[in-house]
PDB file of N, CA and C in Angstrom:
ATOM      1  N   UNK A   1     -19.691  36.194  19.857  1.00  0.00           N
ATOM      2  CA  UNK A   1     -18.340  35.457  20.258  1.00  0.00           C
ATOM      3  C   UNK A   1     -17.135  35.625  19.454  1.00  0.00           C
ATOM      4  N   UNK A   2     -16.031  35.898  19.729  1.00  0.00           N
ATOM      5  CA  UNK A   2     -14.653  36.455  19.214  1.00  0.00           C
ATOM      6  C   UNK A   2     -13.729  34.898  19.762  1.00  0.00           C
ATOM      7  N   UNK A   3     -12.889  34.758  18.290  1.00  0.00           N
ATOM      8  CA  UNK A   3     -12.326  33.236  18.125  1.00  0.00           C
ATOM      9  C   UNK A   3     -11.186  33.450  19.857  1.00  0.00           C
ATOM     10  N   UNK A   4     -10.879  34.414  20.115  1.00  0.00           N
ATOM     11  CA  UNK A   4     -10.204  34.240  21.219  1.00  0.00           C
ATOM     12  C   UNK A   4     -10.912  33.992  22.572  1.00  0.00           C
ATOM     13  N   UNK A   5     -12.244  34.626  22.555  1.00  0.00           N
ATOM     14  CA  UNK A   5     -12.916  34.167  23.623  1.00  0.00           C
ATOM     15  C   UNK A   5     -13.453  32.452  23.420  1.00  0.00           C
ATOM     16  N   UNK A   6     -13.725  31.734  22.300  1.00  0.00           N
ATOM     17  CA  UNK A   6     -14.003  30.827  21.887  1.00  0.00           C
ATOM     18  C   UNK A   6     -12.917  30.130  22.502  1.00  0.00           C
ATOM     19  N   UNK A   7     -11.762  30.276  22.229  1.00  0.00           N
ATOM     20  CA  UNK A   7     -10.470  29.348  22.245  1.00  0.00           C
ATOM     21  C   UNK A   7     -10.416  29.002  23.842  1.00  0.00           C
ATOM     22  N   UNK A   8     -10.563  30.480  24.620  1.00  0.00           N
ATOM     23  CA  UNK A   8     -10.724  30.589  26.134  1.00  0.00           C
ATOM     24  C   UNK A   8     -11.216  29.212  27.241  1.00  0.00           C
ATOM     25  N   UNK A   9     -12.482  29.451  26.530  1.00  0.00           N
ATOM     26  CA  UNK A   9     -13.678  28.312  26.841  1.00  0.00           C
ATOM     27  C   UNK A   9     -13.986  26.975  26.818  1.00  0.00           C
ATOM     28  N   UNK A  10     -13.134  26.778  25.728  1.00  0.00           N
ATOM     29  CA  UNK A  10     -12.968  25.298  25.205  1.00  0.00           C
ATOM     30  C   UNK A  10     -11.094  24.678  25.443  1.00  0.00           C
ATOM     31  N   UNK A  11     -10.501  25.611  26.468  1.00  0.00           N
ATOM     32  CA  UNK A  11      -9.246  25.575  26.560  1.00  0.00           C
ATOM     33  C   UNK A  11      -8.452  25.056  25.765  1.00  0.00           C
ATOM     34  N   UNK A  12      -8.419  26.047  24.409  1.00  0.00           N
ATOM     35  CA  UNK A  12      -7.789  26.070  23.268  1.00  0.00           C
ATOM     36  C   UNK A  12      -6.450  26.515  22.957  1.00  0.00           C
ATOM     37  N   UNK A  13      -5.824  26.226  21.859  1.00  0.00           N
ATOM     38  CA  UNK A  13      -4.498  27.088  21.831  1.00  0.00           C
ATOM     39  C   UNK A  13      -4.860  28.519  20.967  1.00  0.00           C
ATOM     40  N   UNK A  14      -5.308  29.421  21.544  1.00  0.00           N
ATOM     41  CA  UNK A  14      -4.953  30.597  20.975  1.00  0.00           C
ATOM     42  C   UNK A  14      -4.103  30.967  20.188  1.00  0.00           C
ATOM     43  N   UNK A  15      -2.836  31.118  20.996  1.00  0.00           N
ATOM     44  CA  UNK A  15      -1.574  31.484  20.280  1.00  0.00           C
ATOM     45  C   UNK A  15      -1.178  30.606  19.197  1.00  0.00           C
ATOM     46  N   UNK A  16      -1.729  29.394  19.024  1.00  0.00           N
ATOM     47  CA  UNK A  16      -1.277  29.047  17.865  1.00  0.00           C
ATOM     48  C   UNK A  16      -2.124  30.014  16.783  1.00  0.00           C
ATOM     49  N   UNK A  17      -3.415  29.744  17.072  1.00  0.00           N
ATOM     50  CA  UNK A  17      -4.628  30.518  16.106  1.00  0.00           C
ATOM     51  C   UNK A  17      -3.819  31.619  15.619  1.00  0.00           C
ATOM     52  N   UNK A  18      -3.548  32.793  16.576  1.00  0.00           N
ATOM     53  CA  UNK A  18      -2.709  34.469  16.553  1.00  0.00           C
ATOM     54  C   UNK A  18      -1.909  33.448  15.396  1.00  0.00           C
ATOM     55  N   UNK A  19      -0.794  33.057  15.432  1.00  0.00           N
ATOM     56  CA  UNK A  19       0.561  32.625  15.100  1.00  0.00           C
ATOM     57  C   UNK A  19       0.084  32.277  13.473  1.00  0.00           C
ATOM     58  N   UNK A  20      -1.503  31.806  13.158  1.00  0.00           N
ATOM     59  CA  UNK A  20      -1.640  31.660  12.263  1.00  0.00           C
ATOM     60  C   UNK A  20      -2.066  32.662  11.345  1.00  0.00           C
ATOM     61  N   UNK A  21      -2.589  33.660  11.959  1.00  0.00           N
ATOM     62  CA  UNK A  21      -3.284  34.883  11.553  1.00  0.00           C
ATOM     63  C   UNK A  21      -4.625  34.461  10.981  1.00  0.00           C
ATOM     64  N   UNK A  22      -5.338  33.480  11.883  1.00  0.00           N
ATOM     65  CA  UNK A  22      -6.410  32.927  11.759  1.00  0.00           C
ATOM     66  C   UNK A  22      -7.389  34.304  12.287  1.00  0.00           C
ATOM     67  N   UNK A  23      -8.515  34.566  11.680  1.00  0.00           N
ATOM     68  CA  UNK A  23      -9.505  35.896  12.087  1.00  0.00           C
ATOM     69  C   UNK A  23     -10.830  34.989  12.696  1.00  0.00           C
ATOM     70  N   UNK A  24     -12.143  35.592  13.368  1.00  0.00           N
ATOM     71  CA  UNK A  24     -12.833  34.549  13.793  1.00  0.00           C
ATOM     72  C   UNK A  24     -13.560  33.880  12.416  1.00  0.00           C
ATOM     73  N   UNK A  25     -13.235  34.772  11.671  1.00  0.00           N
ATOM     74  CA  UNK A  25     -14.519  34.199  10.227  1.00  0.00           C
ATOM     75  C   UNK A  25     -13.819  33.030   9.698  1.00  0.00           C
ATOM     76  N   UNK A  26     -12.560  33.035   9.817  1.00  0.00           N
ATOM     77  CA  UNK A  26     -11.520  31.629   9.224  1.00  0.00           C
ATOM     78  C   UNK A  26     -11.934  30.786  10.605  1.00  0.00           C
ATOM     79  N   UNK A  27     -11.752  30.896  11.782  1.00  0.00           N
ATOM     80  CA  UNK A  27     -11.947  29.764  13.209  1.00  0.00           C
ATOM     81  C   UNK A  27     -12.969  28.733  12.712  1.00  0.00           C
ATOM     82  N   UNK A  28     -14.310  29.887  12.242  1.00  0.00           N
ATOM     83  CA  UNK A  28     -15.556  29.343  12.019  1.00  0.00           C
ATOM     84  C   UNK A  28     -15.902  28.136  11.398  1.00  0.00           C
ATOM     85  N   UNK A  29     -14.796  28.633  10.044  1.00  0.00           N
ATOM     86  CA  UNK A  29     -15.383  27.530   8.737  1.00  0.00           C
ATOM     87  C   UNK A  29     -14.477  26.724   9.357  1.00  0.00           C
ATOM     88  N   UNK A  30     -13.346  26.591  10.092  1.00  0.00           N
ATOM     89  CA  UNK A  30     -12.783  25.324  10.245  1.00  0.00           C
ATOM     90  C   UNK A  30     -13.787  24.437  11.430  1.00  0.00           C
ATOM     91  N   UNK A  31     -14.426  25.451  11.963  1.00  0.00           N
ATOM     92  CA  UNK A  31     -15.245  24.581  13.294  1.00  0.00           C
ATOM     93  C   UNK A  31     -16.296  23.669  12.775  1.00  0.00           C
ATOM     94  N   UNK A  32     -16.959  24.385  11.949  1.00  0.00           N
ATOM     95  CA  UNK A  32     -18.040  23.489  10.826  1.00  0.00           C
ATOM     96  C   UNK A  32     -17.521  22.522  10.413  1.00  0.00           C
ATOM     97  N   UNK A  33     -16.304  22.333   9.932  1.00  0.00           N
ATOM     98  CA  UNK A  33     -15.687  21.480   9.252  1.00  0.00           C
ATOM     99  C   UNK A  33     -15.539  20.450  10.371  1.00  0.00           C
ATOM    100  N   UNK A  34     -14.978  20.800  11.614  1.00  0.00           N
ATOM    101  CA  UNK A  34     -15.020  19.995  12.142  1.00  0.00           C
ATOM    102  C   UNK A  34     -16.541  18.959  13.542  1.00  0.00           C
ATOM    103  N   UNK A  35     -17.592  20.003  13.186  1.00  0.00           N
ATOM    104  CA  UNK A  35     -18.937  19.194  13.455  1.00  0.00           C
ATOM    105  C   UNK A  35     -19.224  18.230  12.376  1.00  0.00           C
ATOM    106  N   UNK A  36     -18.606  18.094  10.916  1.00  0.00           N
ATOM    107  CA  UNK A  36     -19.006  17.154  10.005  1.00  0.00           C
ATOM    108  C   UNK A  36     -17.900  16.099  10.367  1.00  0.00           C
ATOM    109  N   UNK A  37     -16.773  16.195  11.284  1.00  0.00           N
ATOM    110  CA  UNK A  37     -15.774  15.096  11.447  1.00  0.00           C
ATOM    111  C   UNK A  37     -16.737  13.583  11.934  1.00  0.00           C
ATOM    112  N   UNK A  38     -16.594  12.791  11.766  1.00  0.00           N
ATOM    113  CA  UNK A  38     -17.235  11.379  12.325  1.00  0.00           C
ATOM    114  C   UNK A  38     -16.099  10.852  13.302  1.00  0.00           C
ATOM    115  N   UNK A  39     -14.850  11.127  13.380  1.00  0.00           N
ATOM    116  CA  UNK A  39     -14.093  10.274  14.095  1.00  0.00           C
ATOM    117  C   UNK A  39     -13.948   9.930  15.604  1.00  0.00           C
ATOM    118  N   UNK A  40     -14.774  11.047  16.117  1.00  0.00           N
ATOM    119  CA  UNK A  40     -15.636  11.076  17.325  1.00  0.00           C
ATOM    120  C   UNK A  40     -16.684   9.650  17.836  1.00  0.00           C
ATOM    121  N   UNK A  41     -17.587   9.960  17.106  1.00  0.00           N
ATOM    122  CA  UNK A  41     -18.299   8.612  16.904  1.00  0.00           C
ATOM    123  C   UNK A  41     -17.779   7.327  16.322  1.00  0.00           C
ATOM    124  N   UNK A  42     -16.914   7.478  15.487  1.00  0.00           N
ATOM    125  CA  UNK A  42     -16.380   6.389  15.201  1.00  0.00           C
ATOM    126  C   UNK A  42     -15.518   5.384  16.545  1.00  0.00           C
ATOM    127  N   UNK A  43     -14.835   6.552  17.200  1.00  0.00           N
ATOM    128  CA  UNK A  43     -14.033   6.188  18.264  1.00  0.00           C
ATOM    129  C   UNK A  43     -15.300   5.365  19.091  1.00  0.00           C
ATOM    130  N   UNK A  44     -16.071   6.085  19.533  1.00  0.00           N
ATOM    131  CA  UNK A  44     -17.469   5.750  20.721  1.00  0.00           C
ATOM    132  C   UNK A  44     -17.363   4.337  20.266  1.00  0.00           C
ATOM    133  N   UNK A  45     -18.248   3.988  18.744  1.00  0.00           N
ATOM    134  CA  UNK A  45     -18.318   2.864  18.210  1.00  0.00           C
ATOM    135  C   UNK A  45     -17.251   1.402  18.801  1.00  0.00           C
ATOM    136  N   UNK A  46     -16.237   1.743  18.159  1.00  0.00           N
ATOM    137  CA  UNK A  46     -15.515   0.913  17.816  1.00  0.00           C
ATOM    138  C   UNK A  46     -15.160   0.586  19.684  1.00  0.00           C
ATOM    139  N   UNK A  47     -15.152   1.368  20.559  1.00  0.00           N
ATOM    140  CA  UNK A  47     -14.541   1.054  22.214  1.00  0.00           C
ATOM    141  C   UNK A  47     -15.842   0.437  22.758  1.00  0.00           C
ATOM    142  N   UNK A  48     -16.809   1.025  22.180  1.00  0.00           N
ATOM    143  CA  UNK A  48     -18.577   0.040  22.655  1.00  0.00           C
ATOM    144  C   UNK A  48     -18.134  -1.465  21.978  1.00  0.00           C
ATOM    145  N   UNK A  49     -17.489  -1.954  20.783  1.00  0.00           N
ATOM    146  CA  UNK A  49     -17.429  -2.907  20.014  1.00  0.00           C
ATOM    147  C   UNK A  49     -16.329  -3.710  20.671  1.00  0.00           C
ATOM    148  N   UNK A  50     -15.458  -2.891  21.106  1.00  0.00           N
ATOM    149  CA  UNK A  50     -14.248  -3.977  21.668  1.00  0.00           C
ATOM    150  C   UNK A  50     -13.001  -4.283  20.336  1.00  0.00           C
ATOM    151  N   UNK A  51     -13.132  -3.178  19.050  1.00  0.00           N
ATOM    152  CA  UNK A  51     -12.473  -3.237  18.046  1.00  0.00           C
ATOM    153  C   UNK A  51     -11.222  -2.561  18.142  1.00  0.00           C
ATOM    154  N   UNK A  52     -10.159  -2.614  18.802  1.00  0.00           N
ATOM    155  CA  UNK A  52      -8.936  -1.892  19.155  1.00  0.00           C
ATOM    156  C   UNK A  52      -8.401  -1.029  18.390  1.00  0.00           C
ATOM    157  N   UNK A  53      -8.240  -2.048  16.743  1.00  0.00           N
ATOM    158  CA  UNK A  53      -7.748  -1.356  15.817  1.00  0.00           C
ATOM    159  C   UNK A  53      -8.747  -0.028  15.427  1.00  0.00           C
ATOM    160  N   UNK A  54      -9.775  -0.059  14.842  1.00  0.00           N
ATOM    161  CA  UNK A  54     -10.989   1.195  14.670  1.00  0.00           C
ATOM    162  C   UNK A  54     -10.916   1.794  15.682  1.00  0.00           C
ATOM    163  N   UNK A  55     -10.796   1.558  16.820  1.00  0.00           N
ATOM    164  CA  UNK A  55     -10.910   2.665  17.678  1.00  0.00           C
ATOM    165  C   UNK A  55      -9.430   3.340  17.824  1.00  0.00           C
ATOM    166  N   UNK A  56      -8.310   2.634  17.757  1.00  0.00           N
ATOM    167  CA  UNK A  56      -6.916   3.374  17.393  1.00  0.00           C
ATOM    168  C   UNK A  56      -7.191   4.052  16.080  1.00  0.00           C
ATOM    169  N   UNK A  57      -7.644   3.872  15.148  1.00  0.00           N
ATOM    170  CA  UNK A  57      -7.271   4.948  14.202  1.00  0.00           C
ATOM    171  C   UNK A  57      -8.521   5.657  14.225  1.00  0.00           C
ATOM    172  N   UNK A  58      -9.689   5.753  14.771  1.00  0.00           N
ATOM    173  CA  UNK A  58     -10.316   6.987  14.892  1.00  0.00           C
ATOM    174  C   UNK A  58      -9.756   8.002  16.025  1.00  0.00           C
ATOM    175  N   UNK A  59      -9.318   7.138  17.029  1.00  0.00           N
ATOM    176  CA  UNK A  59      -8.828   8.414  17.702  1.00  0.00           C
ATOM    177  C   UNK A  59      -7.580   9.143  17.609  1.00  0.00           C
ATOM    178  N   UNK A  60      -6.578   8.116  16.619  1.00  0.00           N
ATOM    179  CA  UNK A  60      -5.371   8.933  16.352  1.00  0.00           C
ATOM    180  C   UNK A  60      -6.100   9.976  14.912  1.00  0.00           C
ATOM    181  N   UNK A  61      -7.348   9.825  14.140  1.00  0.00           N
ATOM    182  CA  UNK A  61      -7.490  10.845  13.339  1.00  0.00           C
ATOM    183  C   UNK A  61      -8.085  11.933  14.043  1.00  0.00           C
ATOM    184  N   UNK A  62      -8.779  11.826  15.379  1.00  0.00           N
ATOM    185  CA  UNK A  62      -9.353  12.971  16.172  1.00  0.00           C
ATOM    186  C   UNK A  62      -8.632  13.643  17.020  1.00  0.00           C
ATOM    187  N   UNK A  63      -7.601  13.011  16.925  1.00  0.00           N
ATOM    188  CA  UNK A  63      -6.614  13.632  17.646  1.00  0.00           C
ATOM    189  C   UNK A  63      -5.671  14.615  16.943  1.00  0.00           C
ATOM    190  N   UNK A  64      -5.286  14.430  15.509  1.00  0.00           N
ATOM    191  CA  UNK A  64      -4.799  14.986  14.229  1.00  0.00           C
ATOM    192  C   UNK A  64      -5.883  15.949  14.232  1.00  0.00           C
ATOM    193  N   UNK A  65      -7.224  15.665  14.189  1.00  0.00           N
ATOM    194  CA  UNK A  65      -8.007  17.131  13.762  1.00  0.00           C
ATOM    195  C   UNK A  65      -7.923  18.082  14.845  1.00  0.00           C
ATOM    196  N   UNK A  66      -7.775  17.583  16.016  1.00  0.00           N
ATOM    197  CA  UNK A  66      -7.808  18.633  17.608  1.00  0.00           C
ATOM    198  C   UNK A  66      -6.537  19.258  16.950  1.00  0.00           C
ATOM    199  N   UNK A  67      -5.605  18.371  16.629  1.00  0.00           N
ATOM    200  CA  UNK A  67      -4.235  19.372  16.449  1.00  0.00           C
ATOM    201  C   UNK A  67      -4.137  20.420  15.407  1.00  0.00           C
ATOM    202  N   UNK A  68      -4.851  20.338  13.915  1.00  0.00           N
ATOM    203  CA  UNK A  68      -5.020  20.988  13.048  1.00  0.00           C
ATOM    204  C   UNK A  68      -5.877  22.152  13.648  1.00  0.00           C
ATOM    205  N   UNK A  69      -6.690  22.518  14.105  1.00  0.00           N
ATOM    206  CA  UNK A  69      -7.640  23.622  14.717  1.00  0.00           C
ATOM    207  C   UNK A  69      -7.447  24.043  16.516  1.00  0.00           C
ATOM    208  N   UNK A  70      -6.283  23.391  17.130  1.00  0.00           N
ATOM    209  CA  UNK A  70      -5.860  24.201  17.756  1.00  0.00           C
ATOM    210  C   UNK A  70      -6.697  23.751  19.116  1.00  0.00           C
ATOM    211  N   UNK A  71      -7.636  22.495  19.439  1.00  0.00           N
ATOM    212  CA  UNK A  71      -8.553  22.377  20.443  1.00  0.00           C
ATOM    213  C   UNK A  71      -7.073  21.819  21.536  1.00  0.00           C
ATOM    214  N   UNK A  72      -6.786  22.184  22.040  1.00  0.00           N
ATOM    215  CA  UNK A  72      -5.561  21.698  23.192  1.00  0.00           C
ATOM    216  C   UNK A  72      -6.260  20.517  24.018  1.00  0.00           C
ATOM    217  N   UNK A  73      -7.317  20.804  24.815  1.00  0.00           N
ATOM    218  CA  UNK A  73      -7.848  20.253  25.824  1.00  0.00           C
ATOM    219  C   UNK A  73      -8.074  18.756  25.248  1.00  0.00           C
ATOM    220  N   UNK A  74      -8.896  18.966  24.362  1.00  0.00           N
ATOM    221  CA  UNK A  74      -9.517  17.802  23.939  1.00  0.00           C
ATOM    222  C   UNK A  74      -8.430  17.256  23.112  1.00  0.00           C
ATOM    223  N   UNK A  75      -7.811  17.805  22.425  1.00  0.00           N
ATOM    224  CA  UNK A  75      -6.347  17.129  21.880  1.00  0.00           C
ATOM    225  C   UNK A  75      -5.753  15.868  22.957  1.00  0.00           C
ATOM    226  N   UNK A  76      -5.255  16.877  24.030  1.00  0.00           N
ATOM    227  CA  UNK A  76      -4.467  16.124  25.365  1.00  0.00           C
ATOM    228  C   UNK A  76      -5.129  14.764  25.725  1.00  0.00           C
ATOM    229  N   UNK A  77      -6.523  14.913  25.700  1.00  0.00           N
ATOM    230  CA  UNK A  77      -7.528  13.509  26.326  1.00  0.00           C
ATOM    231  C   UNK A  77      -7.772  12.690  25.712  1.00  0.00           C
ATOM    232  N   UNK A  78      -7.837  12.801  23.947  1.00  0.00           N
ATOM    233  CA  UNK A  78      -7.977  12.235  22.655  1.00  0.00           C
ATOM    234  C   UNK A  78      -6.528  11.334  22.903  1.00  0.00           C
ATOM    235  N   UNK A  79      -5.291  11.955  22.716  1.00  0.00           N
ATOM    236  CA  UNK A  79      -4.128  11.624  22.955  1.00  0.00           C
ATOM    237  C   UNK A  79      -3.649  10.518  23.973  1.00  0.00           C
ATOM    238  N   UNK A  80      -4.313  10.837  25.219  1.00  0.00           N
ATOM    239  CA  UNK A  80      -4.237  10.030  26.293  1.00  0.00           C
ATOM    240  C   UNK A  80      -4.500   8.054  25.626  1.00  0.00           C
ATOM    241  N   UNK A  81      -6.121   8.181  25.275  1.00  0.00           N
ATOM    242  CA  UNK A  81      -6.789   7.030  24.850  1.00  0.00           C
ATOM    243  C   UNK A  81      -5.677   6.668  23.543  1.00  0.00           C
ATOM    244  N   UNK A  82      -5.691   7.262  22.644  1.00  0.00           N
ATOM    245  CA  UNK A  82      -4.749   6.771  21.497  1.00  0.00           C
ATOM    246  C   UNK A  82      -3.384   6.206  21.601  1.00  0.00           C
ATOM    247  N   UNK A  83      -2.768   6.758  22.721  1.00  0.00           N
ATOM    248  CA  UNK A  83      -1.739   5.852  23.295  1.00  0.00           C
ATOM    249  C   UNK A  83      -2.009   4.722  23.981  1.00  0.00           C
ATOM    250  N   UNK A  84      -2.773   4.649  24.883  1.00  0.00           N
ATOM    251  CA  UNK A  84      -3.379   3.125  25.129  1.00  0.00           C
ATOM    252  C   UNK A  84      -3.859   2.278  24.150  1.00  0.00           C
ATOM    253  N   UNK A  85      -4.778   2.782  23.627  1.00  0.00           N
ATOM    254  CA  UNK A  85      -4.893   1.631  22.294  1.00  0.00           C
ATOM    255  C   UNK A  85      -4.041   1.151  21.684  1.00  0.00           C
ATOM    256  N   UNK A  86      -2.714   2.478  20.973  1.00  0.00           N
ATOM    257  CA  UNK A  86      -1.436   2.057  20.559  1.00  0.00           C
ATOM    258  C   UNK A  86      -1.071   0.700  21.048  1.00  0.00           C
ATOM    259  N   UNK A  87      -1.152   0.987  22.146  1.00  0.00           N
ATOM    260  CA  UNK A  87      -0.589  -0.375  23.167  1.00  0.00           C
ATOM    261  C   UNK A  87      -1.522  -1.335  22.927  1.00  0.00           C
ATOM    262  N   UNK A  88      -2.631  -1.333  22.486  1.00  0.00           N
ATOM    263  CA  UNK A  88      -3.934  -2.736  22.490  1.00  0.00           C
ATOM    264  C   UNK A  88      -4.162  -2.806  23.952  1.00  0.00           C
ATOM    265  N   UNK A  89      -4.185  -1.506  24.723  1.00  0.00           N
ATOM    266  CA  UNK A  89      -4.799  -1.989  25.968  1.00  0.00           C
ATOM    267  C   UNK A  89      -6.351  -1.213  25.987  1.00  0.00           C
ATOM    268  N   UNK A  90      -7.117  -2.292  25.423  1.00  0.00           N
ATOM    269  CA  UNK A  90      -8.665  -1.471  25.288  1.00  0.00           C
ATOM    270  C   UNK A  90      -9.339  -1.283  26.361  1.00  0.00           C
ATOM    271  N   UNK A  91      -9.012  -1.838  27.784  1.00  0.00           N
ATOM    272  CA  UNK A  91      -9.902  -1.363  28.722  1.00  0.00           C
ATOM    273  C   UNK A  91      -8.888   0.215  29.221  1.00  0.00           C
ATOM    274  N   UNK A  92      -7.903   0.254  29.277  1.00  0.00           N
ATOM    275  CA  UNK A  92      -7.097   1.562  29.477  1.00  0.00           C
ATOM    276  C   UNK A  92      -7.533   2.534  28.709  1.00  0.00           C
ATOM    277  N   UNK A  93      -8.067   2.320  26.907  1.00  0.00           N
ATOM    278  CA  UNK A  93      -8.445   3.694  26.292  1.00  0.00           C
ATOM    279  C   UNK A  93      -9.944   3.590  26.463  1.00  0.00           C
ATOM    280  N   UNK A  94     -10.435   2.621  27.271  1.00  0.00           N
ATOM    281  CA  UNK A  94     -12.226   2.896  27.726  1.00  0.00           C
ATOM    282  C   UNK A  94     -12.195   3.785  28.657  1.00  0.00           C
ATOM    283  N   UNK A  95     -11.182   3.632  29.696  1.00  0.00           N
ATOM    284  CA  UNK A  95     -10.995   4.218  31.192  1.00  0.00           C
ATOM    285  C   UNK A  95     -10.763   5.621  30.690  1.00  0.00           C
ATOM    286  N   UNK A  96      -9.728   5.947  29.974  1.00  0.00           N
ATOM    287  CA  UNK A  96      -9.439   6.927  29.506  1.00  0.00           C
ATOM    288  C   UNK A  96     -10.772   7.680  28.711  1.00  0.00           C
ATOM    289  N   UNK A  97     -11.360   7.115  28.147  1.00  0.00           N
ATOM    290  CA  UNK A  97     -12.216   7.634  27.137  1.00  0.00           C
ATOM    291  C   UNK A  97     -13.400   8.603  27.904  1.00  0.00           C
ATOM    292  N   UNK A  98     -13.696   8.501  29.199  1.00  0.00           N
ATOM    293  CA  UNK A  98     -14.229   9.228  29.751  1.00  0.00           C
ATOM    294  C   UNK A  98     -14.061  10.613  29.869  1.00  0.00           C
ATOM    295  N   UNK A  99     -12.346  10.991  30.135  1.00  0.00           N
ATOM    296  CA  UNK A  99     -12.281  12.378  29.761  1.00  0.00           C
ATOM    297  C   UNK A  99     -12.642  12.858  28.272  1.00  0.00           C
ATOM    298  N   UNK A 100     -12.740  11.817  27.384  1.00  0.00           N
ATOM    299  CA  UNK A 100     -12.653  12.546  25.955  1.00  0.00           C
ATOM    300  C   UNK A 100     -14.142  12.910  25.845  1.00  0.00           C
ATOM    301  N   UNK A 101     -14.996  12.042  26.423  1.00  0.00           N
ATOM    302  CA  UNK A 101     -16.176  12.195  26.698  1.00  0.00           C
ATOM    303  C   UNK A 101     -16.914  13.468  27.015  1.00  0.00           C
ATOM    304  N   UNK A 102     -16.010  13.684  28.092  1.00  0.00           N
ATOM    305  CA  UNK A 102     -16.403  15.186  28.733  1.00  0.00           C
ATOM    306  C   UNK A 102     -16.151  16.354  28.273  1.00  0.00           C
ATOM    307  N   UNK A 103     -14.471  16.127  27.559  1.00  0.00           N
ATOM    308  CA  UNK A 103     -14.540  17.434  26.668  1.00  0.00           C
ATOM    309  C   UNK A 103     -15.019  17.625  25.554  1.00  0.00           C
ATOM    310  N   UNK A 104     -15.420  16.659  24.668  1.00  0.00           N
ATOM    311  CA  UNK A 104     -16.099  16.420  23.541  1.00  0.00           C
ATOM    312  C   UNK A 104     -17.600  17.156  23.746  1.00  0.00           C
ATOM    313  N   UNK A 105     -17.998  16.927  24.611  1.00  0.00           N
ATOM    314  CA  UNK A 105     -19.449  17.380  25.299  1.00  0.00           C
ATOM    315  C   UNK A 105     -19.459  19.034  25.692  1.00  0.00           C
ATOM    316  N   UNK A 106     -18.627  19.199  26.269  1.00  0.00           N
ATOM    317  CA  UNK A 106     -17.777  20.715  26.626  1.00  0.00           C
ATOM    318  C   UNK A 106     -17.459  21.421  24.816  1.00  0.00           C
ATOM    319  N   UNK A 107     -16.644  21.015  24.533  1.00  0.00           N
ATOM    320  CA  UNK A 107     -16.749  21.335  23.070  1.00  0.00           C
ATOM    321  C   UNK A 107     -17.794  21.811  22.331  1.00  0.00           C
ATOM    322  N   UNK A 108     -18.672  20.626  22.227  1.00  0.00           N
ATOM    323  CA  UNK A 108     -19.626  20.726  21.389  1.00  0.00           C
ATOM    324  C   UNK A 108     -20.790  22.152  22.136  1.00  0.00           C
ATOM    325  N   UNK A 109     -20.444  21.935  23.004  1.00  0.00           N
ATOM    326  CA  UNK A 109     -21.855  23.228  23.593  1.00  0.00           C
ATOM    327  C   UNK A 109     -21.018  24.421  23.291  1.00  0.00           C
ATOM    328  N   UNK A 110     -19.844  24.930  23.124  1.00  0.00           N
ATOM    329  CA  UNK A 110     -19.210  26.206  22.877  1.00  0.00           C
ATOM    330  C   UNK A 110     -19.315  26.369  21.737  1.00  0.00           C
ATOM    331  N   UNK A 111     -19.083  25.534  20.910  1.00  0.00           N
ATOM    332  CA  UNK A 111     -18.964  25.452  19.648  1.00  0.00           C
ATOM    333  C   UNK A 111     -20.331  26.044  19.167  1.00  0.00           C
ATOM    334  N   UNK A 112     -21.448  25.298  19.579  1.00  0.00           N
ATOM    335  CA  UNK A 112     -22.911  25.747  18.824  1.00  0.00           C
ATOM    336  C   UNK A 112     -22.859  27.517  19.380  1.00  0.00           C
ATOM    337  N   UNK A 113     -22.497  27.562  20.715  1.00  0.00           N
ATOM    338  CA  UNK A 113     -22.638  29.305  21.343  1.00  0.00           C
ATOM    339  C   UNK A 113     -22.090  29.986  20.378  1.00  0.00           C
ATOM    340  N   UNK A 114     -21.082  29.551  19.961  1.00  0.00           N
ATOM    341  CA  UNK A 114     -20.029  30.134  18.646  1.00  0.00           C
ATOM    342  C   UNK A 114     -20.213  30.685  18.026  1.00  0.00           C
ATOM    343  N   UNK A 115     -20.898  29.616  17.152  1.00  0.00           N
ATOM    344  CA  UNK A 115     -21.384  29.284  15.630  1.00  0.00           C
ATOM    345  C   UNK A 115     -22.682  29.534  15.571  1.00  0.00           C
ATOM    346  N   UNK A 116     -23.838  30.340  16.857  1.00  0.00           N
ATOM    347  CA  UNK A 116     -24.860  30.689  16.961  1.00  0.00           C
ATOM    348  C   UNK A 116     -26.015  29.928  16.297  1.00  0.00           C
ATOM    349  N   UNK A 117     -25.855  28.224  16.369  1.00  0.00           N
ATOM    350  CA  UNK A 117     -26.712  27.178  15.829  1.00  0.00           C
ATOM    351  C   UNK A 117     -27.279  26.842  17.294  1.00  0.00           C
TER     352      UNK A 117
END
């Protein structure tokens, strides 16, 4: 799978990737780094524990990671959670987190196809 198809499947921002002149190999290197990022797991644990500050920090980190690698759909759903948590609205953050979980799972499925793992 080439980078353009990957970004189409995850509803990412391939135009941004093209503007950076990233080829498929470079995208794969950054996607592998994404697999090592723990902010998604930290977000889920913090939301479950009711720790709004830790959840905000994890969501904000995940949003930044997604922005850096042009994961636009996941970035958008995480951004909504981030803003709810910034306002200290844990319940709204938990409600909006459903979209994050769904988007993250889709991304992980496509990432494994893309990396052939």
